[in-house]
Amino acid sequence: MSDNVNLTIKIDPALKEQIKQLALDKQVSMSQEIVERLTASFSEQAQPEVDNQNTEEAAESPFSAAEIKQLRALLKKQSKKKK
């Protein structure tokens, strides 16, 4: 018994011809071509779409070392005042 089921869909005739030509070129059935393409499209969606440009942002510190030192000094002063 086959694990496949029948599915009837309505598509544009030009799209059908395009699928037919691709299947002929690969020497597979139209059904197999469609299944392969649908399966591939779902696999692509499983990947996180974080950055579609394949670029990375440089992680920069918002404060320089001197600014961090000043912030620490201010925080230390404030904590002494509260005691």
Protein backbone atom coordinates (compact mmCIF):
# COMPACT_ATOMS: atom_id res chain seq x y z
CA MET A 1 0.00 0.00 0.00
CA SER A 2 1.27 3.48 -0.87
CA ASP A 3 1.84 6.22 1.72
CA ASN A 4 0.94 8.86 -0.86
CA VAL A 5 -2.48 10.44 -1.33
CA ASN A 6 -4.05 12.15 -4.30
CA LEU A 7 -4.36 15.93 -4.31
CA THR A 8 -6.23 17.89 -6.93
CA ILE A 9 -5.31 21.55 -7.33
CA LYS A 10 -6.04 24.30 -9.82
CA ILE A 11 -3.02 26.14 -11.20
CA ASP A 12 -2.27 28.49 -14.04
CA PRO A 13 -1.66 26.62 -17.33
CA ALA A 14 1.68 28.40 -17.78
CA LEU A 15 2.82 27.15 -14.37
CA LYS A 16 1.77 23.62 -15.28
CA GLU A 17 3.84 23.79 -18.45
CA GLN A 18 6.81 25.12 -16.52
CA ILE A 19 6.59 22.24 -14.04
CA LYS A 20 6.15 19.78 -16.90
CA GLN A 21 9.29 21.08 -18.65
CA LEU A 22 11.35 20.96 -15.45
CA ALA A 23 10.21 17.40 -14.80
CA LEU A 24 11.09 16.37 -18.37
CA ASP A 25 14.53 17.96 -18.04
CA LYS A 26 15.18 16.01 -14.84
CA GLN A 27 13.50 12.87 -16.22
CA VAL A 28 11.06 12.61 -13.32
CA SER A 29 7.29 12.73 -13.11
CA MET A 30 5.48 16.01 -12.62
CA SER A 31 4.24 14.69 -9.30
CA GLN A 32 7.78 13.96 -8.12
CA GLU A 33 8.96 17.41 -9.23
CA ILE A 34 6.14 19.09 -7.32
CA VAL A 35 6.74 17.02 -4.17
CA GLU A 36 10.47 17.78 -4.24
CA ARG A 37 9.85 21.51 -4.62
CA LEU A 38 7.20 21.63 -1.89
CA THR A 39 9.41 19.65 0.49
CA ALA A 40 12.34 21.98 -0.21
CA SER A 41 10.20 25.06 0.39
CA PHE A 42 9.19 23.80 3.84
CA SER A 43 12.80 22.95 4.70
CA GLU A 44 13.87 26.52 3.86
CA GLN A 45 11.23 27.94 6.19
CA ALA A 46 12.52 25.84 9.08
CA GLN A 47 15.70 27.91 9.17
CA PRO A 48 15.49 31.08 11.25
CA GLU A 49 15.17 34.17 9.14
CA VAL A 50 17.41 36.39 11.23
CA ASP A 51 19.33 38.08 8.48
CA ASN A 52 18.38 37.68 4.85
CA GLN A 53 21.42 39.68 3.69
CA ASN A 54 23.95 37.28 5.27
CA THR A 55 25.64 40.12 7.08
CA GLU A 56 26.65 40.45 10.70
CA GLU A 57 26.53 43.53 12.83
CA ALA A 58 29.63 44.38 14.78
CA ALA A 59 29.02 44.15 18.51
CA GLU A 60 30.28 47.43 19.85
CA SER A 61 30.35 48.49 23.45
CA PRO A 62 28.05 51.48 23.93
CA PHE A 63 30.56 52.96 26.40
CA SER A 64 34.29 53.45 26.24
CA ALA A 65 36.57 52.15 29.02
CA ALA A 66 36.83 55.66 30.49
CA GLU A 67 33.04 56.07 30.51
CA ILE A 68 32.59 52.72 32.22
CA LYS A 69 35.10 53.77 34.88
CA GLN A 70 33.15 57.00 35.48
CA LEU A 71 29.86 55.10 35.73
CA ARG A 72 31.33 52.72 38.29
CA ALA A 73 32.60 55.65 40.34
CA LEU A 74 29.15 57.29 40.26
CA LEU A 75 27.44 54.07 41.28
CA LYS A 76 29.91 53.57 44.09
CA LYS A 77 29.24 57.14 45.35
CA GLN A 78 25.47 56.58 45.24
CA SER A 79 25.69 53.30 47.15
CA LYS A 80 27.78 55.00 49.88
CA LYS A 81 25.18 57.82 50.21
CA LYS A 82 22.36 55.29 50.78
CA LYS A 83 24.18 53.65 53.71
